[in-house]
Amino acid sequence: MHYGIITFGSRGDVQPYIALALELLEQGNSVSIVGNENFSDFVPKYGIPFYPLPGDTQKMLQSPEIAGILKSGNVITYLRELGKLIRKGQGAVLQKMVGYCETFDVLVAAPLTVAWVFSVAERLRKPWAIVQLTVPSVPTAVFPYLGLDFFNSPVYNRFTYRLMRWFFWTEHKKDIQEQRALLKLPPLKKSLPKKIDEQRVLQLHAFSRFLLERPSDWPEEAAITGFLDMAGVKTPLAGQDRGTDDTISNWLAQGAPPVYIGFGSFPVPDPTIFYGILEHLLNYTEERYIFCQGWSQPAGLPKSQRVFEVKAVDHSWLFPQCKLAVVHGGIGTVGAVLRAKIPVVIVSVLGDQPIWGRFLKRKGWGAHLPFKKLTAPKLLNAIQEADQDAIRASVLRTGSMMERENGAAEAVSKLEAYFKEPEQVLRMQMGS
């Protein structure tokens, strides 16, 4: 079986699918990844064929338009502005995607490509599935949509999913119908979420069941697999991106475990303010700090032997050597922190990050602080709040349980079972 994984976004939207692809290869399948062009060098070094789509998401996130929105933390404005940037090249993206996907037997969509893959699969008559990395959108009476978890009652819980689906369709209906026109497909008469329900598309949620248990009222095709972790894949290639050179290893060995600070593929919304806060931390604590630049624009960090800057690093290697992690709250990074058994402070920018920040704080695994409210005293208080014996004990228990999961293997098992009879799946999805 030749799997085509179609993703788009930041590194956190790509790296988990490398783990999935490596496990698919391990089980004797062929697999390729389709993604935005700025990952053309990153994916192939793991031995996976990569097909680039027009669009550099790193440049998009570093653009002046997006930078201003990141400071405000307004998720609606952010999604609309990002949508405008993506929409400019949508015709070229779809054309490339159709050409690539013709060669695959089955398609696997990431969260940001669901709408595209839905229509491309219909155009090419290919069976498809979704591997979801973040907040579940499958309706349940067991818990509300996590962004609206103000109450917990069956009626309210169901209502929150209806509300979010209505909002999604209201925001994206025009774009989706335009995509279908470009692909010479008829417009949808029902919302995309309703069509996905009718097609009984496999929806795998790639996070730990120790974060959320699978609700008993989910349909059979919805499942929780565990995180798509590179450490769980048996291949020598999985260690190539560790960043474990002698310089960082020597610095780590020279003192106490540091506090990790990094915002991943989200640029620091206001570098001047943030680096001033780091200067405050150096003046008022004895901690050591390791700062991961990620997609943040290079800027002058405070000069100190207690600060080490790295461009990118393998979290599964570094986090167990740290005391605590201050991160933006992307679910992949959160999973790496929990598996490392260290407390977390989520300094959320936007998107699903505030949702996971509030969720992890309620679980007793750390603290949460929105970036737009960030000050030096507040960050110091959040670090002290997370650095407690009770939180460390809770994270230790949770991380130890997560070690027993192999999300990539579980996801591949479910994908192979679902696509065992691809023609049957295609008939179900195409309604014929």
Protein backbone atom coordinates (compact mmCIF):
# COMPACT_ATOMS: atom_id res chain seq x y z
CA MET A 1 0.00 0.00 0.00
CA HIS A 2 1.33 3.44 -0.91
CA TYR A 3 0.29 6.02 1.69
CA GLY A 4 0.34 9.70 0.87
CA ILE A 5 0.45 11.92 3.98
CA ILE A 6 -0.61 15.50 3.21
CA THR A 7 0.28 18.12 5.79
CA PHE A 8 0.83 21.86 5.94
CA GLY A 9 1.97 24.27 8.64
CA SER A 10 4.79 24.47 11.16
CA ARG A 11 7.37 21.89 12.19
CA GLY A 12 4.87 20.64 14.75
CA ASP A 13 2.52 19.89 11.84
CA VAL A 14 5.20 17.88 10.02
CA GLN A 15 7.45 16.03 12.47
CA PRO A 16 4.75 13.75 13.93
CA TYR A 17 3.96 12.50 10.42
CA ILE A 18 7.61 11.57 9.94
CA ALA A 19 7.21 9.21 12.90
CA LEU A 20 4.02 7.85 11.33
CA ALA A 21 5.72 7.44 7.94
CA LEU A 22 8.71 5.61 9.43
CA GLU A 23 6.38 3.16 11.19
CA LEU A 24 4.44 2.62 7.95
CA LEU A 25 7.74 1.83 6.22
CA GLU A 26 8.68 -0.50 9.07
CA GLN A 27 5.46 -2.44 8.42
CA GLY A 28 6.30 -2.91 4.75
CA ASN A 29 4.30 -0.08 3.18
CA SER A 30 5.38 2.65 0.79
CA VAL A 31 4.85 6.20 2.02
CA SER A 32 5.41 9.76 0.86
CA ILE A 33 4.83 13.11 2.56
CA VAL A 34 3.36 16.15 0.83
CA GLY A 35 3.96 19.43 2.62
CA ASN A 36 4.90 23.09 2.37
CA GLU A 37 8.13 23.79 0.53
CA ASN A 38 10.19 24.97 3.53
CA PHE A 39 10.44 21.34 4.70
CA SER A 40 12.05 20.13 1.46
CA ASP A 41 15.37 19.55 3.26
CA PHE A 42 13.98 18.37 6.61
CA VAL A 43 11.79 15.42 5.60
CA PRO A 44 14.07 13.65 3.04
CA LYS A 45 16.92 13.21 5.53
CA TYR A 46 14.72 10.59 7.22
CA GLY A 47 14.61 8.61 3.98
CA ILE A 48 11.02 9.62 3.15
CA PRO A 49 10.08 10.92 -0.33
CA PHE A 50 8.85 14.50 -0.03
CA TYR A 51 6.67 16.45 -2.45
CA PRO A 52 6.69 20.23 -1.90
CA LEU A 53 3.62 22.43 -2.06
CA PRO A 54 3.93 26.14 -2.89
CA GLY A 55 4.15 28.25 0.25
CA ASP A 56 6.77 28.87 2.94
CA THR A 57 4.97 28.83 6.28
CA GLN A 58 8.03 30.08 8.15
CA LYS A 59 8.05 33.23 6.05
CA MET A 60 4.28 33.55 6.49
CA LEU A 61 4.56 33.45 10.30
CA GLN A 62 7.47 35.90 10.24
CA SER A 63 5.65 38.36 7.99
CA PRO A 64 4.83 41.83 9.43
CA GLU A 65 1.08 41.15 9.11
CA ILE A 66 1.22 37.99 11.20
CA ALA A 67 3.78 39.40 13.67
CA GLY A 68 1.38 42.16 14.69
CA ILE A 69 -1.46 39.71 15.19
CA LEU A 70 0.70 37.39 17.32
CA LYS A 71 1.24 40.25 19.76
CA SER A 72 -2.52 40.72 20.15
CA GLY A 73 -3.26 37.00 20.58
CA ASN A 74 -6.49 37.38 18.54
CA VAL A 75 -7.03 33.88 17.12
CA ILE A 76 -9.88 34.88 14.78
CA THR A 77 -7.85 37.67 13.17
CA TYR A 78 -4.82 35.35 12.98
CA LEU A 79 -6.72 32.58 11.20
CA ARG A 80 -8.30 35.03 8.76
CA GLU A 81 -4.99 36.70 7.90
CA LEU A 82 -3.22 33.36 7.56
CA GLY A 83 -6.10 32.20 5.37
CA LYS A 84 -5.57 35.20 3.10
CA LEU A 85 -1.89 34.36 2.70
CA ILE A 86 -2.63 30.71 1.91
CA ARG A 87 -5.52 31.62 -0.39
CA LYS A 88 -3.23 33.61 -2.70
CA GLY A 89 -1.56 30.41 -3.89
CA GLN A 90 -4.47 28.01 -3.42
CA GLY A 91 -4.86 27.21 -7.11
CA ALA A 92 -1.21 26.22 -7.44
CA VAL A 93 -1.37 24.21 -4.20
CA LEU A 94 -4.39 22.22 -5.39
CA GLN A 95 -2.87 21.61 -8.80
CA LYS A 96 0.31 20.24 -7.25
CA MET A 97 -1.63 18.21 -4.70
CA VAL A 98 -3.77 16.51 -7.35
CA GLY A 99 -0.68 15.62 -9.36
CA TYR A 100 1.10 14.15 -6.35
CA CYS A 101 -1.90 12.28 -4.96
CA GLU A 102 -2.62 10.47 -8.25
CA THR A 103 0.33 8.18 -7.45
CA PHE A 104 -0.85 7.22 -3.94
CA ASP A 105 -3.22 4.38 -3.05
CA VAL A 106 -4.69 6.08 0.04
CA LEU A 107 -4.49 9.59 1.47
CA VAL A 108 -3.93 10.73 5.07
CA ALA A 109 -4.87 14.32 5.95
CA ALA A 110 -3.41 16.49 8.70
CA PRO A 111 -5.64 19.05 10.48
CA LEU A 112 -4.81 21.97 8.16
CA THR A 113 -5.28 19.92 4.99
CA VAL A 114 -8.60 18.21 5.75
CA ALA A 115 -10.65 20.49 3.48
CA TRP A 116 -8.18 20.14 0.60
CA VAL A 117 -7.82 16.36 0.94
CA PHE A 118 -11.58 15.84 1.22
CA SER A 119 -12.09 17.34 -2.25
CA VAL A 120 -8.89 15.95 -3.80
CA ALA A 121 -9.86 12.46 -2.64
CA GLU A 122 -13.27 12.89 -4.27
CA ARG A 123 -11.72 14.20 -7.49
CA LEU A 124 -9.27 11.28 -7.72
CA ARG A 125 -11.59 8.68 -6.14
CA LYS A 126 -9.07 7.81 -3.45
CA PRO A 127 -9.96 6.55 0.06
CA TRP A 128 -8.70 8.80 2.83
CA ALA A 129 -8.35 9.20 6.59
CA ILE A 130 -7.55 11.94 9.11
CA VAL A 131 -4.75 11.87 11.67
CA GLN A 132 -5.62 14.68 14.08
CA LEU A 133 -2.92 16.19 16.28
CA THR A 134 -4.90 18.52 18.47
CA VAL A 135 -8.22 19.29 20.18
CA PRO A 136 -10.83 16.63 19.28
CA SER A 137 -13.81 17.81 17.24
CA VAL A 138 -15.77 14.54 17.23
CA PRO A 139 -18.99 15.22 19.18
CA THR A 140 -19.49 13.55 22.53
CA ALA A 141 -21.69 13.96 25.61
CA VAL A 142 -18.79 12.96 27.88
CA PHE A 143 -16.90 16.27 27.76
CA PRO A 144 -17.37 19.61 26.00
CA TYR A 145 -15.23 20.96 23.19
CA LEU A 146 -12.09 21.80 25.13
CA GLY A 147 -12.13 25.45 24.16
CA LEU A 148 -15.61 25.79 25.70
CA ASP A 149 -15.18 23.66 28.81
CA PHE A 150 -16.94 26.03 31.19
CA PHE A 151 -19.48 23.38 32.25
CA ASN A 152 -19.78 19.64 31.93
CA SER A 153 -23.23 18.26 31.24
CA PRO A 154 -24.34 16.00 28.37
CA VAL A 155 -26.65 18.57 26.75
CA TYR A 156 -24.14 21.40 27.01
CA ASN A 157 -21.29 19.17 25.83
CA ARG A 158 -23.13 18.18 22.64
CA PHE A 159 -24.07 21.81 22.05
CA THR A 160 -20.44 22.97 22.11
CA TYR A 161 -19.55 20.70 19.18
CA ARG A 162 -22.55 21.87 17.18
CA LEU A 163 -21.50 25.45 17.85
CA MET A 164 -17.87 24.87 16.79
CA ARG A 165 -18.94 23.03 13.64
CA TRP A 166 -21.31 25.88 12.75
CA PHE A 167 -18.50 28.38 13.30
CA PHE A 168 -16.06 26.33 11.20
CA TRP A 169 -18.48 26.08 8.31
CA THR A 170 -19.41 29.76 8.51
CA GLU A 171 -15.75 30.75 8.36
CA HIS A 172 -14.62 28.29 5.69
CA LYS A 173 -17.63 27.57 3.48
CA LYS A 174 -16.70 30.13 0.81
CA ASP A 175 -13.09 28.89 0.58
CA ILE A 176 -14.14 25.23 0.41
CA GLN A 177 -16.68 25.88 -2.34
CA GLU A 178 -14.03 27.83 -4.28
CA GLN A 179 -11.59 24.92 -3.88
CA ARG A 180 -14.21 22.55 -5.27
CA ALA A 181 -14.84 24.86 -8.22
CA LEU A 182 -11.11 24.84 -8.99
CA LEU A 183 -11.24 21.03 -8.92
CA LYS A 184 -14.36 21.00 -11.13
CA LEU A 185 -16.46 19.43 -8.37
CA PRO A 186 -20.06 20.37 -7.47
CA PRO A 187 -20.55 22.59 -4.40
CA LEU A 188 -21.28 20.90 -1.10
CA LYS A 189 -24.93 20.94 -0.06
CA LYS A 190 -24.04 19.95 3.50
CA SER A 191 -21.29 21.20 5.77
CA LEU A 192 -17.89 19.55 5.56
CA PRO A 193 -18.09 18.11 9.11
CA LYS A 194 -21.45 16.49 8.24
CA LYS A 195 -20.00 15.01 5.05
CA ILE A 196 -17.05 13.57 6.96
CA ASP A 197 -19.49 11.99 9.44
CA GLU A 198 -21.50 10.48 6.57
CA GLN A 199 -18.39 9.07 4.93
CA ARG A 200 -17.33 7.48 8.23
CA VAL A 201 -13.80 8.73 7.66
CA LEU A 202 -11.26 7.24 10.08
CA GLN A 203 -10.23 9.96 12.56
CA LEU A 204 -7.19 9.15 14.66
CA HIS A 205 -6.30 11.52 17.50
CA ALA A 206 -2.55 11.40 18.02
CA PHE A 207 -2.29 12.27 21.69
CA SER A 208 -2.17 10.18 24.84
CA ARG A 209 -5.21 8.56 26.39
CA PHE A 210 -3.76 9.77 29.68
CA LEU A 211 -4.65 13.30 28.58
CA LEU A 212 -8.14 12.32 27.43
CA GLU A 213 -9.78 8.92 27.45
CA ARG A 214 -11.72 7.89 24.37
CA PRO A 215 -15.41 8.66 24.98
CA SER A 216 -17.65 5.60 24.82
CA ASP A 217 -20.15 7.41 22.58
CA TRP A 218 -17.63 8.18 19.82
CA PRO A 219 -18.32 6.38 16.53
CA GLU A 220 -16.24 3.32 15.75
CA GLU A 221 -14.05 5.22 13.28
CA ALA A 222 -12.79 7.70 15.93
CA ALA A 223 -9.86 6.64 18.11
CA ILE A 224 -7.02 7.87 20.33
CA THR A 225 -3.62 6.39 19.52
CA GLY A 226 -0.95 8.06 21.64
CA PHE A 227 1.58 10.65 20.52
CA LEU A 228 3.45 10.15 17.25
CA ASP A 229 6.84 10.09 18.92
CA MET A 230 10.10 9.64 17.00
CA ALA A 231 11.55 7.72 19.95
CA GLY A 232 8.95 5.00 19.44
CA VAL A 233 10.06 4.24 15.88
CA LYS A 234 12.69 1.56 15.38
CA THR A 235 15.03 3.11 12.83
CA PRO A 236 18.56 4.48 13.00
CA LEU A 237 17.38 7.52 11.03
CA ALA A 238 15.23 8.73 13.91
CA GLY A 239 18.23 10.12 15.77
CA GLN A 240 19.58 12.36 13.04
CA ASP A 241 17.91 15.56 14.23
CA ARG A 242 18.97 15.49 17.85
CA GLY A 243 21.27 18.50 17.82
CA THR A 244 23.41 16.72 20.43
CA ASP A 245 26.74 18.29 19.49
CA ASP A 246 29.56 18.59 22.02
CA THR A 247 28.90 22.29 22.69
CA ILE A 248 25.41 21.85 24.13
CA SER A 249 26.35 18.61 25.88
CA ASN A 250 29.33 20.27 27.55
CA TRP A 251 27.21 23.23 28.66
CA LEU A 252 24.58 20.91 30.15
CA ALA A 253 27.28 19.05 32.08
CA GLN A 254 28.67 22.23 33.66
CA GLY A 255 25.83 22.87 36.08
CA ALA A 256 22.35 22.08 37.34
CA PRO A 257 19.57 21.05 34.92
CA PRO A 258 18.34 24.19 33.14
CA VAL A 259 14.93 25.68 32.53
CA TYR A 260 14.08 25.22 28.85
CA ILE A 261 12.39 28.13 27.04
CA GLY A 262 11.13 27.82 23.48
CA PHE A 263 8.18 28.75 21.31
CA GLY A 264 8.81 26.24 18.53
CA SER A 265 7.56 27.34 15.14
CA PHE A 266 5.68 30.28 16.63
CA PRO A 267 7.97 33.35 16.54
CA VAL A 268 8.29 35.14 19.88
CA PRO A 269 5.52 37.76 19.49
CA ASP A 270 7.56 40.60 21.01
CA PRO A 271 11.30 39.78 21.22
CA THR A 272 12.26 43.04 22.94
CA ILE A 273 9.84 42.45 25.82
CA PHE A 274 10.66 38.76 26.05
CA TYR A 275 14.44 39.17 26.18
CA GLY A 276 13.98 41.85 28.84
CA ILE A 277 12.01 39.30 30.86
CA LEU A 278 14.82 36.77 30.47
CA GLU A 279 17.26 39.38 31.77
CA HIS A 280 14.98 39.77 34.82
CA LEU A 281 14.99 36.01 35.40
CA LEU A 282 18.79 35.97 35.31
CA ASN A 283 18.94 38.79 37.86
CA TYR A 284 16.41 37.30 40.28
CA THR A 285 17.11 33.57 40.11
CA GLU A 286 20.12 31.29 40.10
CA GLU A 287 18.66 29.07 37.38
CA ARG A 288 20.33 28.24 34.09
CA TYR A 289 18.29 28.73 30.92
CA ILE A 290 18.43 27.12 27.50
CA PHE A 291 16.61 29.09 24.80
CA CYS A 292 15.51 27.41 21.57
CA GLN A 293 15.20 30.00 18.82
CA GLY A 294 12.95 27.93 16.53
CA TRP A 295 11.25 30.24 14.04
CA SER A 296 11.80 33.37 16.15
CA GLN A 297 13.79 36.10 14.45
CA PRO A 298 17.44 36.21 15.65
CA ALA A 299 17.92 38.84 18.33
CA GLY A 300 20.36 39.59 21.10
CA LEU A 301 19.85 37.38 24.14
CA PRO A 302 21.22 38.57 27.47
CA LYS A 303 24.92 37.71 27.72
CA SER A 304 25.45 35.22 30.50
CA GLN A 305 27.14 31.88 31.07
CA ARG A 306 23.78 30.76 32.45
CA VAL A 307 22.07 31.14 29.05
CA PHE A 308 22.60 28.83 26.09
CA GLU A 309 20.90 29.43 22.73
CA VAL A 310 20.18 26.69 20.21
CA LYS A 311 18.48 27.00 16.82
CA ALA A 312 16.64 23.67 16.99
CA VAL A 313 16.94 20.55 19.11
CA ASP A 314 15.36 17.14 19.59
CA HIS A 315 13.00 17.55 22.54
CA SER A 316 13.03 13.85 23.38
CA TRP A 317 16.79 14.10 23.96
CA LEU A 318 16.94 17.48 25.69
CA PHE A 319 13.84 17.66 27.92
CA PRO A 320 14.84 14.80 30.28
CA GLN A 321 18.01 16.80 31.02
CA CYS A 322 16.01 19.92 31.98
CA LYS A 323 14.41 20.95 35.27
CA LEU A 324 11.27 22.47 33.74
CA ALA A 325 10.04 23.65 30.33
CA VAL A 326 8.47 26.97 29.34
CA VAL A 327 6.77 26.37 25.98
CA HIS A 328 4.08 27.85 23.75
CA GLY A 329 1.64 24.97 24.21
CA GLY A 330 1.65 23.16 20.88
CA ILE A 331 0.41 19.65 21.66
CA GLY A 332 3.48 17.89 20.26
CA THR A 333 5.80 19.90 22.49
CA VAL A 334 3.47 19.38 25.46
CA GLY A 335 3.59 15.64 24.85
CA ALA A 336 7.40 15.70 24.77
CA VAL A 337 7.48 17.58 28.09
CA LEU A 338 5.13 15.13 29.78
CA ARG A 339 7.04 12.10 28.48
CA ALA A 340 10.21 13.69 29.90
CA LYS A 341 8.44 13.79 33.29
CA ILE A 342 9.13 17.47 33.99
CA PRO A 343 6.67 20.26 34.86
CA VAL A 344 5.56 22.69 32.17
CA VAL A 345 4.71 26.37 31.99
CA ILE A 346 2.63 27.14 28.91
CA VAL A 347 2.99 30.71 27.69
CA SER A 348 0.26 30.52 25.08
CA VAL A 349 0.14 32.74 22.01
CA LEU A 350 -3.05 31.65 20.22
CA GLY A 351 -4.75 28.73 18.45
CA ASP A 352 -5.19 25.64 20.60
CA GLN A 353 -2.34 26.70 22.91
CA PRO A 354 -4.51 28.46 25.55
CA ILE A 355 -6.83 25.43 25.54
CA TRP A 356 -4.02 23.04 26.36
CA GLY A 357 -2.57 25.55 28.85
CA ARG A 358 -5.77 25.65 30.89
CA PHE A 359 -6.20 21.89 30.52
CA LEU A 360 -2.72 21.02 31.81
CA LYS A 361 -3.01 23.45 34.71
CA ARG A 362 -6.26 21.77 35.81
CA LYS A 363 -4.55 18.40 35.53
CA GLY A 364 -1.89 19.57 37.98
CA TRP A 365 1.02 19.29 35.54
CA GLY A 366 2.14 22.91 35.49
CA ALA A 367 1.06 26.52 35.01
CA HIS A 368 -0.47 28.62 32.23
CA LEU A 369 0.11 32.25 31.27
CA PRO A 370 -1.08 33.96 28.04
CA PHE A 371 1.76 35.77 26.27
CA LYS A 372 -0.29 38.96 25.95
CA LYS A 373 -0.37 39.14 29.77
CA LEU A 374 3.30 38.21 30.16
CA THR A 375 5.50 40.20 32.52
CA ALA A 376 8.74 39.24 34.26
CA PRO A 377 7.13 38.84 37.72
CA LYS A 378 4.24 36.79 36.25
CA LEU A 379 6.58 34.41 34.43
CA LEU A 380 8.73 34.00 37.53
CA ASN A 381 5.60 33.25 39.58
CA ALA A 382 4.42 30.73 36.98
CA ILE A 383 7.77 28.93 37.06
CA GLN A 384 7.67 28.81 40.84
CA GLU A 385 4.05 27.60 40.74
CA ALA A 386 5.01 24.72 38.42
CA ASP A 387 8.20 23.83 40.31
CA GLN A 388 6.39 22.10 43.19
CA ASP A 389 6.80 18.58 44.60
CA ALA A 390 3.13 17.71 44.03
CA ILE A 391 3.31 18.72 40.37
CA ARG A 392 6.57 16.87 39.84
CA ALA A 393 5.05 13.72 41.37
CA SER A 394 1.95 14.00 39.16
CA VAL A 395 4.01 14.54 35.99
CA LEU A 396 6.25 11.61 36.94
CA ARG A 397 3.24 9.28 37.22
CA THR A 398 1.73 10.50 33.95
CA GLY A 399 4.98 10.35 32.01
CA SER A 400 5.67 6.83 33.27
CA MET A 401 2.27 5.70 31.97
CA MET A 402 2.84 7.43 28.63
CA GLU A 403 6.08 5.47 28.20
CA ARG A 404 3.98 2.36 27.68
CA GLU A 405 2.28 3.89 24.62
CA ASN A 406 3.55 3.63 21.06
CA GLY A 407 1.34 6.05 19.18
CA ALA A 408 2.94 5.48 15.77
CA ALA A 409 2.48 1.70 15.96
CA GLU A 410 -1.11 2.07 17.19
CA ALA A 411 -1.94 4.55 14.43
CA VAL A 412 -0.46 2.32 11.73
CA SER A 413 -2.38 -0.67 13.06
CA LYS A 414 -5.66 1.24 12.81
CA LEU A 415 -4.84 2.67 9.38
CA GLU A 416 -4.02 -0.76 8.00
CA ALA A 417 -7.20 -2.26 9.45
CA TYR A 418 -9.30 0.57 8.00
CA PHE A 419 -7.72 0.38 4.54
CA LYS A 420 -7.55 -3.43 4.42
CA GLU A 421 -10.26 -3.35 1.73
CA PRO A 422 -9.61 0.02 0.05
CA GLU A 423 -12.30 -0.43 -2.60
CA GLN A 424 -14.89 -1.03 0.10
CA VAL A 425 -13.75 2.12 1.95
CA LEU A 426 -13.90 4.08 -1.29
CA ARG A 427 -17.48 2.96 -1.97
CA MET A 428 -18.50 3.98 1.55
CA GLN A 429 -16.86 7.39 1.24
CA MET A 430 -18.08 8.10 -2.29
CA GLY A 431 -21.61 6.97 -1.42
CA SER A 432 -21.69 4.25 -4.04
